[in-house]
Amino acid sequence: KIDMVGTVKNKINRRKALTCEYDELTENNIFNQIIKT
């Protein structure tokens, strides 16, 4: 999903990039963190 605030800041700073919010499936969660610790 496009983050409009971040994308507008990029536009002002003349950066050709879209700021996006996204979800990622990861093993780096509290359960595995406790086991590793």
All heavy atoms as atom14 arrays in JSON, in Angstrom:
{
  "sequence": "KIDMVGTVKNKINRRKALTCEYDELTENNIFNQIIKT",
  "atom14_mask": [
    [1, 1, 1, 1, 1, 1, 1, 1, 1, 0, 0, 0, 0, 0],
    [1, 1, 1, 1, 1, 1, 1, 1, 0, 0, 0, 0, 0, 0],
    [1, 1, 1, 1, 1, 1, 1, 1, 0, 0, 0, 0, 0, 0],
    [1, 1, 1, 1, 1, 1, 1, 1, 0, 0, 0, 0, 0, 0],
    [1, 1, 1, 1, 1, 1, 1, 0, 0, 0, 0, 0, 0, 0],
    [1, 1, 1, 1, 0, 0, 0, 0, 0, 0, 0, 0, 0, 0],
    [1, 1, 1, 1, 1, 1, 1, 0, 0, 0, 0, 0, 0, 0],
    [1, 1, 1, 1, 1, 1, 1, 0, 0, 0, 0, 0, 0, 0],
    [1, 1, 1, 1, 1, 1, 1, 1, 1, 0, 0, 0, 0, 0],
    [1, 1, 1, 1, 1, 1, 1, 1, 0, 0, 0, 0, 0, 0],
    [1, 1, 1, 1, 1, 1, 1, 1, 1, 0, 0, 0, 0, 0],
    [1, 1, 1, 1, 1, 1, 1, 1, 0, 0, 0, 0, 0, 0],
    [1, 1, 1, 1, 1, 1, 1, 1, 0, 0, 0, 0, 0, 0],
    [1, 1, 1, 1, 1, 1, 1, 1, 1, 1, 1, 0, 0, 0],
    [1, 1, 1, 1, 1, 1, 1, 1, 1, 1, 1, 0, 0, 0],
    [1, 1, 1, 1, 1, 1, 1, 1, 1, 0, 0, 0, 0, 0],
    [1, 1, 1, 1, 1, 0, 0, 0, 0, 0, 0, 0, 0, 0],
    [1, 1, 1, 1, 1, 1, 1, 1, 0, 0, 0, 0, 0, 0],
    [1, 1, 1, 1, 1, 1, 1, 0, 0, 0, 0, 0, 0, 0],
    [1, 1, 1, 1, 1, 1, 0, 0, 0, 0, 0, 0, 0, 0],
    [1, 1, 1, 1, 1, 1, 1, 1, 1, 0, 0, 0, 0, 0],
    [1, 1, 1, 1, 1, 1, 1, 1, 1, 1, 1, 1, 0, 0],
    [1, 1, 1, 1, 1, 1, 1, 1, 0, 0, 0, 0, 0, 0],
    [1, 1, 1, 1, 1, 1, 1, 1, 1, 0, 0, 0, 0, 0],
    [1, 1, 1, 1, 1, 1, 1, 1, 0, 0, 0, 0, 0, 0],
    [1, 1, 1, 1, 1, 1, 1, 0, 0, 0, 0, 0, 0, 0],
    [1, 1, 1, 1, 1, 1, 1, 1, 1, 0, 0, 0, 0, 0],
    [1, 1, 1, 1, 1, 1, 1, 1, 0, 0, 0, 0, 0, 0],
    [1, 1, 1, 1, 1, 1, 1, 1, 0, 0, 0, 0, 0, 0],
    [1, 1, 1, 1, 1, 1, 1, 1, 0, 0, 0, 0, 0, 0],
    [1, 1, 1, 1, 1, 1, 1, 1, 1, 1, 1, 0, 0, 0],
    [1, 1, 1, 1, 1, 1, 1, 1, 0, 0, 0, 0, 0, 0],
    [1, 1, 1, 1, 1, 1, 1, 1, 1, 0, 0, 0, 0, 0],
    [1, 1, 1, 1, 1, 1, 1, 1, 0, 0, 0, 0, 0, 0],
    [1, 1, 1, 1, 1, 1, 1, 1, 0, 0, 0, 0, 0, 0],
    [1, 1, 1, 1, 1, 1, 1, 1, 1, 0, 0, 0, 0, 0],
    [1, 1, 1, 1, 1, 1, 1, 0, 0, 0, 0, 0, 0, 0]
  ],
  "atom14_positions": [
    [[0.85, -1.2, 0.0], [0.0, 0.0, 0.0], [0.88, 1.24, 0.0], [1.87, 1.33, 0.74], [-0.89, -0.03, 1.25], [-1.87, 1.12, 1.34], [-2.82, 0.93, 2.52], [-2.07, 1.0, 3.84], [-2.97, 0.94, 5.01], [0.0, 0.0, 0.0], [0.0, 0.0, 0.0], [0.0, 0.0, 0.0], [0.0, 0.0, 0.0], [0.0, 0.0, 0.0]],
    [[0.54, 2.22, -0.86], [1.33, 3.45, -0.96], [1.1, 4.32, 0.27], [-0.03, 4.55, 0.68], [0.96, 4.24, -2.23], [1.33, 3.45, -3.48], [1.67, 5.6, -2.24], [0.91, 4.12, -4.77], [0.0, 0.0, 0.0], [0.0, 0.0, 0.0], [0.0, 0.0, 0.0], [0.0, 0.0, 0.0], [0.0, 0.0, 0.0], [0.0, 0.0, 0.0]],
    [[2.21, 4.77, 0.86], [2.16, 5.73, 1.96], [2.28, 7.12, 1.35], [3.35, 7.52, 0.87], [3.31, 5.47, 2.94], [3.33, 6.49, 4.07], [2.43, 6.45, 4.91], [4.25, 7.33, 4.08], [0.0, 0.0, 0.0], [0.0, 0.0, 0.0], [0.0, 0.0, 0.0], [0.0, 0.0, 0.0], [0.0, 0.0, 0.0], [0.0, 0.0, 0.0]],
    [[1.18, 7.86, 1.35], [1.11, 9.13, 0.63], [2.07, 10.16, 1.23], [2.72, 10.92, 0.5], [-0.32, 9.68, 0.63], [-1.3, 8.82, -0.15], [-0.76, 8.56, -1.88], [-0.73, 10.24, -2.48], [0.0, 0.0, 0.0], [0.0, 0.0, 0.0], [0.0, 0.0, 0.0], [0.0, 0.0, 0.0], [0.0, 0.0, 0.0], [0.0, 0.0, 0.0]],
    [[2.19, 10.23, 2.56], [3.05, 11.23, 3.2], [4.5, 11.02, 2.78], [5.2, 11.95, 2.36], [2.93, 11.17, 4.74], [3.93, 12.12, 5.38], [1.51, 11.52, 5.17], [0.0, 0.0, 0.0], [0.0, 0.0, 0.0], [0.0, 0.0, 0.0], [0.0, 0.0, 0.0], [0.0, 0.0, 0.0], [0.0, 0.0, 0.0], [0.0, 0.0, 0.0]],
    [[4.97, 9.79, 2.85], [6.34, 9.49, 2.47], [6.58, 9.71, 0.99], [7.64, 10.2, 0.58], [0.0, 0.0, 0.0], [0.0, 0.0, 0.0], [0.0, 0.0, 0.0], [0.0, 0.0, 0.0], [0.0, 0.0, 0.0], [0.0, 0.0, 0.0], [0.0, 0.0, 0.0], [0.0, 0.0, 0.0], [0.0, 0.0, 0.0], [0.0, 0.0, 0.0]],
    [[5.59, 9.35, 0.18], [5.74, 9.51, -1.27], [5.8, 10.98, -1.66], [6.59, 11.38, -2.53], [4.56, 8.82, -1.99], [4.56, 7.42, -1.66], [4.68, 8.96, -3.5], [0.0, 0.0, 0.0], [0.0, 0.0, 0.0], [0.0, 0.0, 0.0], [0.0, 0.0, 0.0], [0.0, 0.0, 0.0], [0.0, 0.0, 0.0], [0.0, 0.0, 0.0]],
    [[4.99, 11.81, -1.01], [5.02, 13.26, -1.28], [6.37, 13.85, -0.88], [6.94, 14.69, -1.59], [3.86, 13.97, -0.53], [4.04, 15.49, -0.59], [2.52, 13.56, -1.12], [0.0, 0.0, 0.0], [0.0, 0.0, 0.0], [0.0, 0.0, 0.0], [0.0, 0.0, 0.0], [0.0, 0.0, 0.0], [0.0, 0.0, 0.0], [0.0, 0.0, 0.0]],
    [[6.92, 13.4, 0.26], [8.24, 13.88, 0.68], [9.3, 13.51, -0.35], [10.21, 14.31, -0.65], [8.6, 13.28, 2.04], [7.85, 13.91, 3.21], [8.32, 13.29, 4.54], [7.59, 13.94, 5.7], [8.0, 13.33, 7.0], [0.0, 0.0, 0.0], [0.0, 0.0, 0.0], [0.0, 0.0, 0.0], [0.0, 0.0, 0.0], [0.0, 0.0, 0.0]],
    [[9.19, 12.32, -0.89], [10.13, 11.91, -1.95], [10.01, 12.82, -3.15], [11.01, 13.2, -3.78], [9.86, 10.46, -2.37], [10.31, 9.46, -1.32], [11.12, 9.79, -0.46], [9.79, 8.25, -1.38], [0.0, 0.0, 0.0], [0.0, 0.0, 0.0], [0.0, 0.0, 0.0], [0.0, 0.0, 0.0], [0.0, 0.0, 0.0], [0.0, 0.0, 0.0]],
    [[8.77, 13.16, -3.5], [8.53, 14.04, -4.66], [9.15, 15.42, -4.42], [9.81, 15.99, -5.32], [7.01, 14.17, -4.86], [6.6, 14.92, -6.11], [6.8, 14.07, -7.35], [6.18, 14.77, -8.55], [6.43, 14.01, -9.81], [0.0, 0.0, 0.0], [0.0, 0.0, 0.0], [0.0, 0.0, 0.0], [0.0, 0.0, 0.0], [0.0, 0.0, 0.0]],
    [[8.97, 15.94, -3.19], [9.54, 17.26, -2.86], [11.05, 17.22, -2.94], [11.7, 18.18, -3.4], [9.06, 17.69, -1.46], [7.55, 17.94, -1.45], [9.81, 18.93, -0.99], [6.95, 18.18, -0.09], [0.0, 0.0, 0.0], [0.0, 0.0, 0.0], [0.0, 0.0, 0.0], [0.0, 0.0, 0.0], [0.0, 0.0, 0.0], [0.0, 0.0, 0.0]],
    [[11.63, 16.1, -2.48], [13.09, 15.95, -2.51], [13.61, 15.44, -3.84], [14.78, 15.07, -3.95], [13.52, 14.99, -1.39], [13.26, 15.56, 0.0], [13.35, 16.77, 0.21], [12.91, 14.68, 0.94], [0.0, 0.0, 0.0], [0.0, 0.0, 0.0], [0.0, 0.0, 0.0], [0.0, 0.0, 0.0], [0.0, 0.0, 0.0], [0.0, 0.0, 0.0]],
    [[12.7, 15.41, -4.84], [13.04, 15.01, -6.21], [13.6, 13.58, -6.28], [14.52, 13.28, -7.03], [14.03, 16.0, -6.82], [13.46, 17.41, -6.94], [14.41, 18.34, -7.62], [13.84, 19.67, -7.75], [14.45, 20.71, -8.35], [15.67, 20.52, -8.85], [13.86, 21.88, -8.42], [0.0, 0.0, 0.0], [0.0, 0.0, 0.0], [0.0, 0.0, 0.0]],
    [[13.05, 12.75, -5.41], [13.42, 11.34, -5.46], [12.32, 10.57, -6.16], [11.14, 10.67, -5.81], [13.62, 10.77, -4.04], [14.8, 11.39, -3.3], [14.97, 10.73, -1.92], [15.23, 9.3, -2.07], [14.69, 8.36, -1.28], [13.89, 8.71, -0.3], [14.98, 7.09, -1.47], [0.0, 0.0, 0.0], [0.0, 0.0, 0.0], [0.0, 0.0, 0.0]],
    [[12.7, 9.79, -7.17], [11.71, 9.02, -7.92], [11.49, 7.67, -7.24], [11.99, 6.65, -7.68], [12.18, 8.82, -9.35], [12.27, 10.1, -10.15], [12.7, 9.84, -11.58], [12.76, 11.13, -12.37], [13.18, 10.87, -13.78], [0.0, 0.0, 0.0], [0.0, 0.0, 0.0], [0.0, 0.0, 0.0], [0.0, 0.0, 0.0], [0.0, 0.0, 0.0]],
    [[10.77, 7.74, -6.12], [10.51, 6.52, -5.36], [9.15, 6.64, -4.67], [8.7, 7.72, -4.3], [11.6, 6.3, -4.31], [0.0, 0.0, 0.0], [0.0, 0.0, 0.0], [0.0, 0.0, 0.0], [0.0, 0.0, 0.0], [0.0, 0.0, 0.0], [0.0, 0.0, 0.0], [0.0, 0.0, 0.0], [0.0, 0.0, 0.0], [0.0, 0.0, 0.0]],
    [[8.51, 5.48, -4.54], [7.23, 5.4, -3.84], [7.48, 4.82, -2.45], [8.15, 3.8, -2.31], [6.27, 4.49, -4.6], [5.89, 4.9, -6.02], [5.12, 3.77, -6.7], [5.05, 6.18, -6.0], [0.0, 0.0, 0.0], [0.0, 0.0, 0.0], [0.0, 0.0, 0.0], [0.0, 0.0, 0.0], [0.0, 0.0, 0.0], [0.0, 0.0, 0.0]],
    [[6.96, 5.49, -1.44], [7.02, 4.92, -0.09], [5.83, 3.98, 0.08], [4.68, 4.39, -0.12], [6.98, 6.03, 0.97], [8.09, 6.9, 0.79], [7.05, 5.43, 2.36], [0.0, 0.0, 0.0], [0.0, 0.0, 0.0], [0.0, 0.0, 0.0], [0.0, 0.0, 0.0], [0.0, 0.0, 0.0], [0.0, 0.0, 0.0], [0.0, 0.0, 0.0]],
    [[6.12, 2.76, 0.41], [5.06, 1.75, 0.5], [5.06, 1.07, 1.87], [6.12, 0.86, 2.48], [5.25, 0.68, -0.58], [5.2, 1.34, -2.27], [0.0, 0.0, 0.0], [0.0, 0.0, 0.0], [0.0, 0.0, 0.0], [0.0, 0.0, 0.0], [0.0, 0.0, 0.0], [0.0, 0.0, 0.0], [0.0, 0.0, 0.0], [0.0, 0.0, 0.0]],
    [[3.88, 0.72, 2.31], [3.72, -0.1, 3.51], [3.33, -1.5, 3.07], [2.43, -1.67, 2.24], [2.63, 0.48, 4.42], [2.97, 1.84, 5.01], [1.84, 2.38, 5.88], [0.76, 1.75, 5.89], [2.03, 3.42, 6.52], [0.0, 0.0, 0.0], [0.0, 0.0, 0.0], [0.0, 0.0, 0.0], [0.0, 0.0, 0.0], [0.0, 0.0, 0.0]],
    [[4.01, -2.51, 3.61], [3.73, -3.88, 3.18], [3.98, -4.84, 4.33], [4.7, -4.54, 5.29], [4.61, -4.26, 1.99], [6.09, -4.26, 2.29], [6.77, -5.43, 2.61], [6.83, -3.06, 2.26], [8.13, -5.41, 2.9], [8.19, -3.04, 2.56], [8.82, -4.22, 2.87], [10.16, -4.22, 3.16], [0.0, 0.0, 0.0], [0.0, 0.0, 0.0]],
    [[3.35, -5.99, 4.25], [3.52, -7.05, 5.24], [4.41, -8.14, 4.67], [4.32, -8.48, 3.5], [2.16, -7.66, 5.63], [1.29, -6.68, 6.4], [1.86, -5.8, 7.07], [0.06, -6.78, 6.33], [0.0, 0.0, 0.0], [0.0, 0.0, 0.0], [0.0, 0.0, 0.0], [0.0, 0.0, 0.0], [0.0, 0.0, 0.0], [0.0, 0.0, 0.0]],
    [[5.27, -8.66, 5.54], [6.2, -9.7, 5.11], [6.15, -10.86, 6.1], [6.18, -10.66, 7.3], [7.61, -9.13, 5.04], [8.63, -10.09, 4.45], [9.97, -9.41, 4.25], [10.59, -9.03, 5.27], [10.39, -9.27, 3.1], [0.0, 0.0, 0.0], [0.0, 0.0, 0.0], [0.0, 0.0, 0.0], [0.0, 0.0, 0.0], [0.0, 0.0, 0.0]],
    [[6.06, -12.08, 5.55], [6.05, -13.27, 6.39], [7.48, -13.56, 6.85], [8.38, -13.71, 6.03], [5.5, -14.46, 5.58], [4.97, -15.67, 6.36], [3.85, -15.26, 7.31], [4.49, -16.75, 5.4], [0.0, 0.0, 0.0], [0.0, 0.0, 0.0], [0.0, 0.0, 0.0], [0.0, 0.0, 0.0], [0.0, 0.0, 0.0], [0.0, 0.0, 0.0]],
    [[7.67, -13.61, 8.17], [9.03, -13.71, 8.68], [9.13, -14.68, 9.86], [8.16, -14.88, 10.6], [9.54, -12.32, 9.13], [10.85, -12.46, 9.7], [8.63, -11.69, 10.16], [0.0, 0.0, 0.0], [0.0, 0.0, 0.0], [0.0, 0.0, 0.0], [0.0, 0.0, 0.0], [0.0, 0.0, 0.0], [0.0, 0.0, 0.0], [0.0, 0.0, 0.0]],
    [[10.31, -15.26, 10.01], [10.6, -16.12, 11.16], [11.07, -15.3, 12.35], [11.2, -15.82, 13.46], [11.68, -17.14, 10.78], [11.24, -18.11, 9.7], [12.39, -18.86, 9.07], [13.56, -18.5, 9.36], [12.15, -19.79, 8.29], [0.0, 0.0, 0.0], [0.0, 0.0, 0.0], [0.0, 0.0, 0.0], [0.0, 0.0, 0.0], [0.0, 0.0, 0.0]],
    [[11.33, -14.01, 12.14], [11.84, -13.14, 13.2], [10.68, -12.62, 14.05], [10.32, -11.46, 14.02], [12.63, -11.98, 12.59], [13.37, -11.18, 13.65], [13.71, -11.7, 14.72], [13.63, -9.92, 13.36], [0.0, 0.0, 0.0], [0.0, 0.0, 0.0], [0.0, 0.0, 0.0], [0.0, 0.0, 0.0], [0.0, 0.0, 0.0], [0.0, 0.0, 0.0]],
    [[10.09, -13.53, 14.83], [8.98, -13.17, 15.7], [9.32, -13.55, 17.14], [10.35, -14.18, 17.41], [7.69, -13.88, 15.25], [7.89, -15.38, 15.09], [8.13, -16.09, 16.06], [7.81, -15.87, 13.85], [0.0, 0.0, 0.0], [0.0, 0.0, 0.0], [0.0, 0.0, 0.0], [0.0, 0.0, 0.0], [0.0, 0.0, 0.0], [0.0, 0.0, 0.0]],
    [[8.47, -13.16, 18.06], [8.77, -13.31, 19.49], [9.03, -14.76, 19.88], [9.88, -15.05, 20.73], [7.64, -12.7, 20.35], [8.02, -12.69, 21.84], [6.33, -13.41, 20.12], [9.2, -11.83, 22.18], [0.0, 0.0, 0.0], [0.0, 0.0, 0.0], [0.0, 0.0, 0.0], [0.0, 0.0, 0.0], [0.0, 0.0, 0.0], [0.0, 0.0, 0.0]],
    [[8.34, -15.7, 19.26], [8.51, -17.12, 19.62], [9.92, -17.6, 19.29], [10.61, -18.19, 20.14], [7.47, -17.97, 18.89], [6.06, -17.63, 19.26], [5.33, -16.69, 18.54], [5.45, -18.25, 20.35], [4.03, -16.38, 18.89], [4.15, -17.94, 20.71], [3.44, -17.0, 19.98], [0.0, 0.0, 0.0], [0.0, 0.0, 0.0], [0.0, 0.0, 0.0]],
    [[10.35, -17.35, 18.07], [11.7, -17.77, 17.67], [12.78, -16.93, 18.35], [13.88, -17.42, 18.61], [11.84, -17.69, 16.15], [10.99, -18.74, 15.45], [10.88, -19.87, 15.91], [10.38, -18.37, 14.33], [0.0, 0.0, 0.0], [0.0, 0.0, 0.0], [0.0, 0.0, 0.0], [0.0, 0.0, 0.0], [0.0, 0.0, 0.0], [0.0, 0.0, 0.0]],
    [[12.47, -15.68, 18.63], [13.44, -14.82, 19.33], [13.7, -15.34, 20.74], [14.85, -15.34, 21.21], [12.92, -13.38, 19.38], [12.93, -12.68, 18.04], [12.17, -11.37, 18.06], [11.51, -11.03, 19.04], [12.23, -10.63, 16.95], [0.0, 0.0, 0.0], [0.0, 0.0, 0.0], [0.0, 0.0, 0.0], [0.0, 0.0, 0.0], [0.0, 0.0, 0.0]],
    [[12.66, -15.79, 21.43], [12.82, -16.34, 22.78], [13.68, -17.6, 22.72], [14.59, -17.8, 23.55], [11.45, -16.64, 23.41], [10.73, -15.33, 23.75], [11.6, -17.51, 24.65], [9.3, -15.52, 24.24], [0.0, 0.0, 0.0], [0.0, 0.0, 0.0], [0.0, 0.0, 0.0], [0.0, 0.0, 0.0], [0.0, 0.0, 0.0], [0.0, 0.0, 0.0]],
    [[13.4, -18.46, 21.75], [14.17, -19.71, 21.63], [15.64, -19.41, 21.34], [16.53, -20.02, 21.95], [13.56, -20.6, 20.53], [12.2, -21.14, 20.98], [14.49, -21.76, 20.19], [11.43, -21.87, 19.91], [0.0, 0.0, 0.0], [0.0, 0.0, 0.0], [0.0, 0.0, 0.0], [0.0, 0.0, 0.0], [0.0, 0.0, 0.0], [0.0, 0.0, 0.0]],
    [[15.91, -18.48, 20.43], [17.29, -18.16, 20.11], [18.0, -17.53, 21.3], [19.16, -17.89, 21.61], [17.36, -17.22, 18.9], [18.8, -16.91, 18.49], [18.88, -16.18, 17.17], [20.33, -15.98, 16.74], [20.44, -15.33, 15.41], [0.0, 0.0, 0.0], [0.0, 0.0, 0.0], [0.0, 0.0, 0.0], [0.0, 0.0, 0.0], [0.0, 0.0, 0.0]],
    [[17.35, -16.63, 21.98], [17.95, -15.96, 23.14], [18.3, -16.97, 24.23], [19.39, -16.93, 24.81], [16.98, -14.9, 23.7], [16.73, -13.91, 22.69], [17.55, -14.22, 24.93], [0.0, 0.0, 0.0], [0.0, 0.0, 0.0], [0.0, 0.0, 0.0], [0.0, 0.0, 0.0], [0.0, 0.0, 0.0], [0.0, 0.0, 0.0], [0.0, 0.0, 0.0]]
  ]
}
